[in-house]
């Protein structure tokens, strides 16, 4: 076989694959936030307002990372 033969060609946008991989982190983060928040609410129901506010703030930060990940392929794409 010649060394110049192509066995497989990659075509399409690799940015979509990159975003799919980068969405794993915020997905795990959101799961941890709401899982621990549910445990905290079960242990201290009187602190529900504070716990819920912290959950929403953490969720917003995790989703901001996901939005940055979806924009980067368009910014640095060719």
PDB file of N, CA and C in Angstrom:
ATOM      1  N   UNK A   1       0.838  -1.183   0.000  1.00  0.00           N
ATOM      2  CA  UNK A   1       0.000   0.000   0.000  1.00  0.00           C
ATOM      3  C   UNK A   1       0.881   1.243   0.000  1.00  0.00           C
ATOM      4  N   UNK A   2       0.439   2.198  -0.720  1.00  0.00           N
ATOM      5  CA  UNK A   2       1.203   3.441  -0.798  1.00  0.00           C
ATOM      6  C   UNK A   2       0.964   4.278   0.458  1.00  0.00           C
ATOM      7  N   UNK A   3       1.978   5.034   0.815  1.00  0.00           N
ATOM      8  CA  UNK A   3       1.900   5.840   2.029  1.00  0.00           C
ATOM      9  C   UNK A   3       0.962   7.031   1.865  1.00  0.00           C
ATOM     10  N   UNK A   4       0.623   7.377   0.638  1.00  0.00           N
ATOM     11  CA  UNK A   4      -0.205   8.555   0.414  1.00  0.00           C
ATOM     12  C   UNK A   4      -1.694   8.239   0.333  1.00  0.00           C
ATOM     13  N   UNK A   5      -2.088   6.995   0.482  1.00  0.00           N
ATOM     14  CA  UNK A   5      -3.506   6.656   0.435  1.00  0.00           C
ATOM     15  C   UNK A   5      -4.209   7.147   1.703  1.00  0.00           C
ATOM     16  N   UNK A   6      -5.421   7.595   1.527  1.00  0.00           N
ATOM     17  CA  UNK A   6      -6.215   8.065   2.649  1.00  0.00           C
ATOM     18  C   UNK A   6      -7.171   6.963   3.076  1.00  0.00           C
ATOM     19  N   UNK A   7      -7.056   6.564   4.324  1.00  0.00           N
ATOM     20  CA  UNK A   7      -7.930   5.516   4.830  1.00  0.00           C
ATOM     21  C   UNK A   7      -9.285   6.072   5.261  1.00  0.00           C
ATOM     22  N   UNK A   8      -9.280   7.224   5.855  1.00  0.00           N
ATOM     23  CA  UNK A   8     -10.524   7.839   6.295  1.00  0.00           C
ATOM     24  C   UNK A   8     -10.361   9.347   6.216  1.00  0.00           C
ATOM     25  N   UNK A   9     -11.394  10.010   5.768  1.00  0.00           N
ATOM     26  CA  UNK A   9     -11.368  11.460   5.664  1.00  0.00           C
ATOM     27  C   UNK A   9     -12.340  12.049   6.676  1.00  0.00           C
ATOM     28  N   UNK A  10     -11.908  13.111   7.315  1.00  0.00           N
ATOM     29  CA  UNK A  10     -12.770  13.803   8.259  1.00  0.00           C
ATOM     30  C   UNK A  10     -13.331  15.021   7.554  1.00  0.00           C
ATOM     31  N   UNK A  11     -14.641  15.074   7.485  1.00  0.00           N
ATOM     32  CA  UNK A  11     -15.262  16.229   6.852  1.00  0.00           C
ATOM     33  C   UNK A  11     -16.354  16.754   7.767  1.00  0.00           C
ATOM     34  N   UNK A  12     -16.713  17.993   7.566  1.00  0.00           N
ATOM     35  CA  UNK A  12     -17.731  18.598   8.414  1.00  0.00           C
ATOM     36  C   UNK A  12     -17.102  19.476   9.470  1.00  0.00           C
ATOM     37  N   UNK A  13     -17.908  19.888  10.384  1.00  0.00           N
ATOM     38  CA  UNK A  13     -17.450  20.796  11.428  1.00  0.00           C
ATOM     39  C   UNK A  13     -16.990  20.015  12.652  1.00  0.00           C
ATOM     40  N   UNK A  14     -15.733  20.138  12.965  1.00  0.00           N
ATOM     41  CA  UNK A  14     -15.230  19.515  14.183  1.00  0.00           C
ATOM     42  C   UNK A  14     -15.627  20.315  15.418  1.00  0.00           C
ATOM     43  N   UNK A  15     -16.111  21.553  15.195  1.00  0.00           N
ATOM     44  CA  UNK A  15     -16.572  22.364  16.318  1.00  0.00           C
ATOM     45  C   UNK A  15     -17.764  21.747  17.017  1.00  0.00           C
ATOM     46  N   UNK A  16     -18.623  21.074  16.261  1.00  0.00           N
ATOM     47  CA  UNK A  16     -19.784  20.441  16.890  1.00  0.00           C
ATOM     48  C   UNK A  16     -19.358  19.284  17.782  1.00  0.00           C
ATOM     49  N   UNK A  17     -18.326  18.574  17.381  1.00  0.00           N
ATOM     50  CA  UNK A  17     -17.797  17.497  18.227  1.00  0.00           C
ATOM     51  C   UNK A  17     -17.150  18.101  19.471  1.00  0.00           C
ATOM     52  N   UNK A  18     -16.438  19.179  19.286  1.00  0.00           N
ATOM     53  CA  UNK A  18     -15.815  19.857  20.423  1.00  0.00           C
ATOM     54  C   UNK A  18     -16.840  20.382  21.404  1.00  0.00           C
ATOM     55  N   UNK A  19     -17.949  20.934  20.891  1.00  0.00           N
ATOM     56  CA  UNK A  19     -18.978  21.418  21.799  1.00  0.00           C
ATOM     57  C   UNK A  19     -19.635  20.256  22.533  1.00  0.00           C
ATOM     58  N   UNK A  20     -19.846  19.167  21.848  1.00  0.00           N
ATOM     59  CA  UNK A  20     -20.425  17.993  22.508  1.00  0.00           C
ATOM     60  C   UNK A  20     -19.561  17.523  23.663  1.00  0.00           C
ATOM     61  N   UNK A  21     -18.256  17.555  23.469  1.00  0.00           N
ATOM     62  CA  UNK A  21     -17.344  17.164  24.549  1.00  0.00           C
ATOM     63  C   UNK A  21     -17.302  18.212  25.655  1.00  0.00           C
ATOM     64  N   UNK A  22     -17.390  19.481  25.267  1.00  0.00           N
ATOM     65  CA  UNK A  22     -17.321  20.525  26.293  1.00  0.00           C
ATOM     66  C   UNK A  22     -18.614  20.633  27.089  1.00  0.00           C
ATOM     67  N   UNK A  23     -19.707  20.100  26.592  1.00  0.00           N
ATOM     68  CA  UNK A  23     -20.978  20.147  27.325  1.00  0.00           C
ATOM     69  C   UNK A  23     -21.025  19.117  28.445  1.00  0.00           C
ATOM     70  N   UNK A  24     -20.077  18.210  28.466  1.00  0.00           N
ATOM     71  CA  UNK A  24     -20.058  17.197  29.526  1.00  0.00           C
ATOM     72  C   UNK A  24     -19.786  17.852  30.891  1.00  0.00           C
ATOM     73  N   UNK A  25     -18.852  18.781  30.939  1.00  0.00           N
ATOM     74  CA  UNK A  25     -18.492  19.434  32.202  1.00  0.00           C
ATOM     75  C   UNK A  25     -19.653  20.185  32.847  1.00  0.00           C
ATOM     76  N   UNK A  26     -20.310  21.111  32.122  1.00  0.00           N
ATOM     77  CA  UNK A  26     -21.456  21.787  32.719  1.00  0.00           C
ATOM     78  C   UNK A  26     -22.598  20.835  33.070  1.00  0.00           C
ATOM     79  N   UNK A  27     -22.770  19.769  32.301  1.00  0.00           N
ATOM     80  CA  UNK A  27     -23.807  18.788  32.622  1.00  0.00           C
ATOM     81  C   UNK A  27     -23.542  18.105  33.947  1.00  0.00           C
ATOM     82  N   UNK A  28     -22.305  17.739  34.171  1.00  0.00           N
ATOM     83  CA  UNK A  28     -21.932  17.126  35.450  1.00  0.00           C
ATOM     84  C   UNK A  28     -22.076  18.149  36.577  1.00  0.00           C
ATOM     85  N   UNK A  29     -21.669  19.384  36.312  1.00  0.00           N
ATOM     86  CA  UNK A  29     -21.770  20.428  37.328  1.00  0.00           C
ATOM     87  C   UNK A  29     -23.205  20.700  37.750  1.00  0.00           C
ATOM     88  N   UNK A  30     -24.114  20.753  36.796  1.00  0.00           N
ATOM     89  CA  UNK A  30     -25.521  20.986  37.117  1.00  0.00           C
ATOM     90  C   UNK A  30     -26.077  19.825  37.936  1.00  0.00           C
ATOM     91  N   UNK A  31     -25.694  18.604  37.584  1.00  0.00           N
ATOM     92  CA  UNK A  31     -26.139  17.448  38.355  1.00  0.00           C
ATOM     93  C   UNK A  31     -25.646  17.481  39.785  1.00  0.00           C
ATOM     94  N   UNK A  32     -24.395  17.868  39.975  1.00  0.00           N
ATOM     95  CA  UNK A  32     -23.839  17.963  41.329  1.00  0.00           C
ATOM     96  C   UNK A  32     -24.538  19.061  42.124  1.00  0.00           C
ATOM     97  N   UNK A  33     -24.781  20.203  41.481  1.00  0.00           N
ATOM     98  CA  UNK A  33     -25.418  21.326  42.172  1.00  0.00           C
ATOM     99  C   UNK A  33     -26.803  20.941  42.676  1.00  0.00           C
ATOM    100  N   UNK A  34     -27.624  20.385  41.796  1.00  0.00           N
ATOM    101  CA  UNK A  34     -28.996  20.088  42.212  1.00  0.00           C
ATOM    102  C   UNK A  34     -29.070  18.841  43.090  1.00  0.00           C
ATOM    103  N   UNK A  35     -28.158  17.909  42.911  1.00  0.00           N
ATOM    104  CA  UNK A  35     -28.129  16.756  43.806  1.00  0.00           C
ATOM    105  C   UNK A  35     -27.780  17.147  45.224  1.00  0.00           C
ATOM    106  N   UNK A  36     -26.737  17.953  45.366  1.00  0.00           N
ATOM    107  CA  UNK A  36     -26.347  18.406  46.713  1.00  0.00           C
ATOM    108  C   UNK A  36     -27.359  19.383  47.293  1.00  0.00           C
ATOM    109  N   UNK A  37     -27.986  20.176  46.431  1.00  0.00           N
ATOM    110  CA  UNK A  37     -29.020  21.083  46.917  1.00  0.00           C
ATOM    111  C   UNK A  37     -30.221  20.332  47.465  1.00  0.00           C
ATOM    112  N   UNK A  38     -30.592  19.247  46.811  1.00  0.00           N
ATOM    113  CA  UNK A  38     -31.695  18.425  47.300  1.00  0.00           C
ATOM    114  C   UNK A  38     -31.350  17.802  48.643  1.00  0.00           C
ATOM    115  N   UNK A  39     -30.126  17.335  48.793  1.00  0.00           N
ATOM    116  CA  UNK A  39     -29.699  16.790  50.088  1.00  0.00           C
ATOM    117  C   UNK A  39     -29.712  17.870  51.170  1.00  0.00           C
ATOM    118  N   UNK A  40     -29.269  19.058  50.823  1.00  0.00           N
ATOM    119  CA  UNK A  40     -29.248  20.145  51.801  1.00  0.00           C
ATOM    120  C   UNK A  40     -30.666  20.536  52.217  1.00  0.00           C
ATOM    121  N   UNK A  41     -31.594  20.562  51.256  1.00  0.00           N
ATOM    122  CA  UNK A  41     -32.983  20.881  51.579  1.00  0.00           C
ATOM    123  C   UNK A  41     -33.606  19.807  52.466  1.00  0.00           C
ATOM    124  N   UNK A  42     -33.229  18.562  52.259  1.00  0.00           N
ATOM    125  CA  UNK A  42     -33.761  17.483  53.090  1.00  0.00           C
ATOM    126  C   UNK A  42     -33.219  17.570  54.512  1.00  0.00           C
ATOM    127  N   UNK A  43     -31.987  18.051  54.660  1.00  0.00           N
ATOM    128  CA  UNK A  43     -31.386  18.120  55.997  1.00  0.00           C
ATOM    129  C   UNK A  43     -31.805  19.373  56.762  1.00  0.00           C
ATOM    130  N   UNK A  44     -31.945  20.490  56.039  1.00  0.00           N
ATOM    131  CA  UNK A  44     -32.313  21.746  56.692  1.00  0.00           C
ATOM    132  C   UNK A  44     -33.410  22.444  55.891  1.00  0.00           C
ATOM    133  N   UNK A  45     -34.643  22.040  56.061  1.00  0.00           N
ATOM    134  CA  UNK A  45     -35.717  22.672  55.287  1.00  0.00           C
ATOM    135  C   UNK A  45     -35.946  24.142  55.648  1.00  0.00           C
ATOM    136  N   UNK A  46     -35.516  24.569  56.822  1.00  0.00           N
ATOM    137  CA  UNK A  46     -35.716  25.968  57.212  1.00  0.00           C
ATOM    138  C   UNK A  46     -34.798  26.915  56.430  1.00  0.00           C
ATOM    139  N   UNK A  47     -33.754  26.412  55.788  1.00  0.00           N
ATOM    140  CA  UNK A  47     -32.836  27.236  55.003  1.00  0.00           C
ATOM    141  C   UNK A  47     -33.124  27.126  53.507  1.00  0.00           C
ATOM    142  N   UNK A  48     -34.365  26.848  53.162  1.00  0.00           N
ATOM    143  CA  UNK A  48     -34.718  26.596  51.758  1.00  0.00           C
ATOM    144  C   UNK A  48     -34.442  27.805  50.864  1.00  0.00           C
ATOM    145  N   UNK A  49     -34.732  29.002  51.347  1.00  0.00           N
ATOM    146  CA  UNK A  49     -34.518  30.199  50.525  1.00  0.00           C
ATOM    147  C   UNK A  49     -33.058  30.412  50.171  1.00  0.00           C
ATOM    148  N   UNK A  50     -32.193  30.282  51.144  1.00  0.00           N
ATOM    149  CA  UNK A  50     -30.761  30.470  50.916  1.00  0.00           C
ATOM    150  C   UNK A  50     -30.186  29.375  50.020  1.00  0.00           C
ATOM    151  N   UNK A  51     -30.605  28.148  50.271  1.00  0.00           N
ATOM    152  CA  UNK A  51     -30.100  27.023  49.470  1.00  0.00           C
ATOM    153  C   UNK A  51     -30.550  27.164  48.025  1.00  0.00           C
ATOM    154  N   UNK A  52     -31.812  27.514  47.830  1.00  0.00           N
ATOM    155  CA  UNK A  52     -32.337  27.652  46.473  1.00  0.00           C
ATOM    156  C   UNK A  52     -31.635  28.793  45.724  1.00  0.00           C
ATOM    157  N   UNK A  53     -31.361  29.899  46.420  1.00  0.00           N
ATOM    158  CA  UNK A  53     -30.657  31.018  45.787  1.00  0.00           C
ATOM    159  C   UNK A  53     -29.248  30.601  45.366  1.00  0.00           C
ATOM    160  N   UNK A  54     -28.569  29.840  46.210  1.00  0.00           N
ATOM    161  CA  UNK A  54     -27.231  29.364  45.854  1.00  0.00           C
ATOM    162  C   UNK A  54     -27.276  28.360  44.716  1.00  0.00           C
ATOM    163  N   UNK A  55     -28.326  27.549  44.665  1.00  0.00           N
ATOM    164  CA  UNK A  55     -28.470  26.603  43.559  1.00  0.00           C
ATOM    165  C   UNK A  55     -28.630  27.349  42.238  1.00  0.00           C
ATOM    166  N   UNK A  56     -29.460  28.356  42.229  1.00  0.00           N
ATOM    167  CA  UNK A  56     -29.708  29.102  40.991  1.00  0.00           C
ATOM    168  C   UNK A  56     -28.443  29.825  40.542  1.00  0.00           C
ATOM    169  N   UNK A  57     -27.693  30.372  41.483  1.00  0.00           N
ATOM    170  CA  UNK A  57     -26.444  31.048  41.140  1.00  0.00           C
ATOM    171  C   UNK A  57     -25.424  30.071  40.556  1.00  0.00           C
ATOM    172  N   UNK A  58     -25.280  28.913  41.176  1.00  0.00           N
ATOM    173  CA  UNK A  58     -24.362  27.903  40.651  1.00  0.00           C
ATOM    174  C   UNK A  58     -24.797  27.386  39.296  1.00  0.00           C
ATOM    175  N   UNK A  59     -26.105  27.197  39.107  1.00  0.00           N
ATOM    176  CA  UNK A  59     -26.633  26.762  37.819  1.00  0.00           C
ATOM    177  C   UNK A  59     -26.322  27.785  36.729  1.00  0.00           C
ATOM    178  N   UNK A  60     -26.477  29.065  37.055  1.00  0.00           N
ATOM    179  CA  UNK A  60     -26.187  30.113  36.074  1.00  0.00           C
ATOM    180  C   UNK A  60     -24.719  30.106  35.670  1.00  0.00           C
ATOM    181  N   UNK A  61     -23.815  29.896  36.625  1.00  0.00           N
ATOM    182  CA  UNK A  61     -22.394  29.839  36.290  1.00  0.00           C
ATOM    183  C   UNK A  61     -22.066  28.638  35.413  1.00  0.00           C
ATOM    184  N   UNK A  62     -22.663  27.489  35.716  1.00  0.00           N
ATOM    185  CA  UNK A  62     -22.419  26.296  34.889  1.00  0.00           C
ATOM    186  C   UNK A  62     -22.961  26.473  33.483  1.00  0.00           C
ATOM    187  N   UNK A  63     -24.133  27.050  33.362  1.00  0.00           N
ATOM    188  CA  UNK A  63     -24.714  27.246  32.036  1.00  0.00           C
ATOM    189  C   UNK A  63     -23.953  28.307  31.251  1.00  0.00           C
ATOM    190  N   UNK A  64     -23.349  29.269  31.939  1.00  0.00           N
ATOM    191  CA  UNK A  64     -22.520  30.252  31.244  1.00  0.00           C
ATOM    192  C   UNK A  64     -21.331  29.566  30.585  1.00  0.00           C
ATOM    193  N   UNK A  65     -20.758  28.571  31.262  1.00  0.00           N
ATOM    194  CA  UNK A  65     -19.661  27.811  30.645  1.00  0.00           C
ATOM    195  C   UNK A  65     -20.143  27.068  29.406  1.00  0.00           C
ATOM    196  N   UNK A  66     -21.343  26.528  29.459  1.00  0.00           N
ATOM    197  CA  UNK A  66     -21.885  25.820  28.297  1.00  0.00           C
ATOM    198  C   UNK A  66     -22.126  26.795  27.143  1.00  0.00           C
ATOM    199  N   UNK A  67     -22.602  27.985  27.431  1.00  0.00           N
ATOM    200  CA  UNK A  67     -22.832  28.972  26.369  1.00  0.00           C
ATOM    201  C   UNK A  67     -21.513  29.449  25.763  1.00  0.00           C
ATOM    202  N   UNK A  68     -20.498  29.601  26.591  1.00  0.00           N
ATOM    203  CA  UNK A  68     -19.181  29.952  26.052  1.00  0.00           C
ATOM    204  C   UNK A  68     -18.692  28.835  25.132  1.00  0.00           C
ATOM    205  N   UNK A  69     -18.926  27.594  25.531  1.00  0.00           N
ATOM    206  CA  UNK A  69     -18.522  26.460  24.710  1.00  0.00           C
ATOM    207  C   UNK A  69     -19.242  26.399  23.381  1.00  0.00           C
ATOM    208  N   UNK A  70     -20.489  26.838  23.327  1.00  0.00           N
ATOM    209  CA  UNK A  70     -21.222  26.797  22.060  1.00  0.00           C
ATOM    210  C   UNK A  70     -20.814  27.946  21.130  1.00  0.00           C
ATOM    211  N   UNK A  71     -20.298  29.033  21.683  1.00  0.00           N
ATOM    212  CA  UNK A  71     -19.901  30.177  20.868  1.00  0.00           C
ATOM    213  C   UNK A  71     -18.488  30.019  20.305  1.00  0.00           C
ATOM    214  N   UNK A  72     -17.607  29.364  21.026  1.00  0.00           N
ATOM    215  CA  UNK A  72     -16.198  29.272  20.624  1.00  0.00           C
ATOM    216  C   UNK A  72     -15.974  28.643  19.241  1.00  0.00           C
ATOM    217  N   UNK A  73     -16.682  27.588  18.844  1.00  0.00           N
ATOM    218  CA  UNK A  73     -16.444  27.072  17.487  1.00  0.00           C
ATOM    219  C   UNK A  73     -16.760  28.092  16.402  1.00  0.00           C
ATOM    220  N   UNK A  74     -17.737  28.988  16.659  1.00  0.00           N
ATOM    221  CA  UNK A  74     -18.060  30.006  15.670  1.00  0.00           C
ATOM    222  C   UNK A  74     -17.027  31.119  15.662  1.00  0.00           C
ATOM    223  N   UNK A  75     -16.455  31.417  16.821  1.00  0.00           N
ATOM    224  CA  UNK A  75     -15.458  32.483  16.905  1.00  0.00           C
ATOM    225  C   UNK A  75     -14.145  32.040  16.273  1.00  0.00           C
ATOM    226  N   UNK A  76     -13.691  30.834  16.595  1.00  0.00           N
ATOM    227  CA  UNK A  76     -12.390  30.388  16.126  1.00  0.00           C
ATOM    228  C   UNK A  76     -12.471  29.459  14.908  1.00  0.00           C
ATOM    229  N   UNK A  77     -13.657  29.211  14.397  1.00  0.00           N
ATOM    230  CA  UNK A  77     -13.813  28.347  13.231  1.00  0.00           C
ATOM    231  C   UNK A  77     -13.288  29.013  11.968  1.00  0.00           C
ATOM    232  N   UNK A  78     -13.104  28.214  10.963  1.00  0.00           N
ATOM    233  CA  UNK A  78     -12.566  28.765   9.709  1.00  0.00           C
ATOM    234  C   UNK A  78     -13.624  28.864   8.674  1.00  0.00           C
TER     235      UNK A  78
END
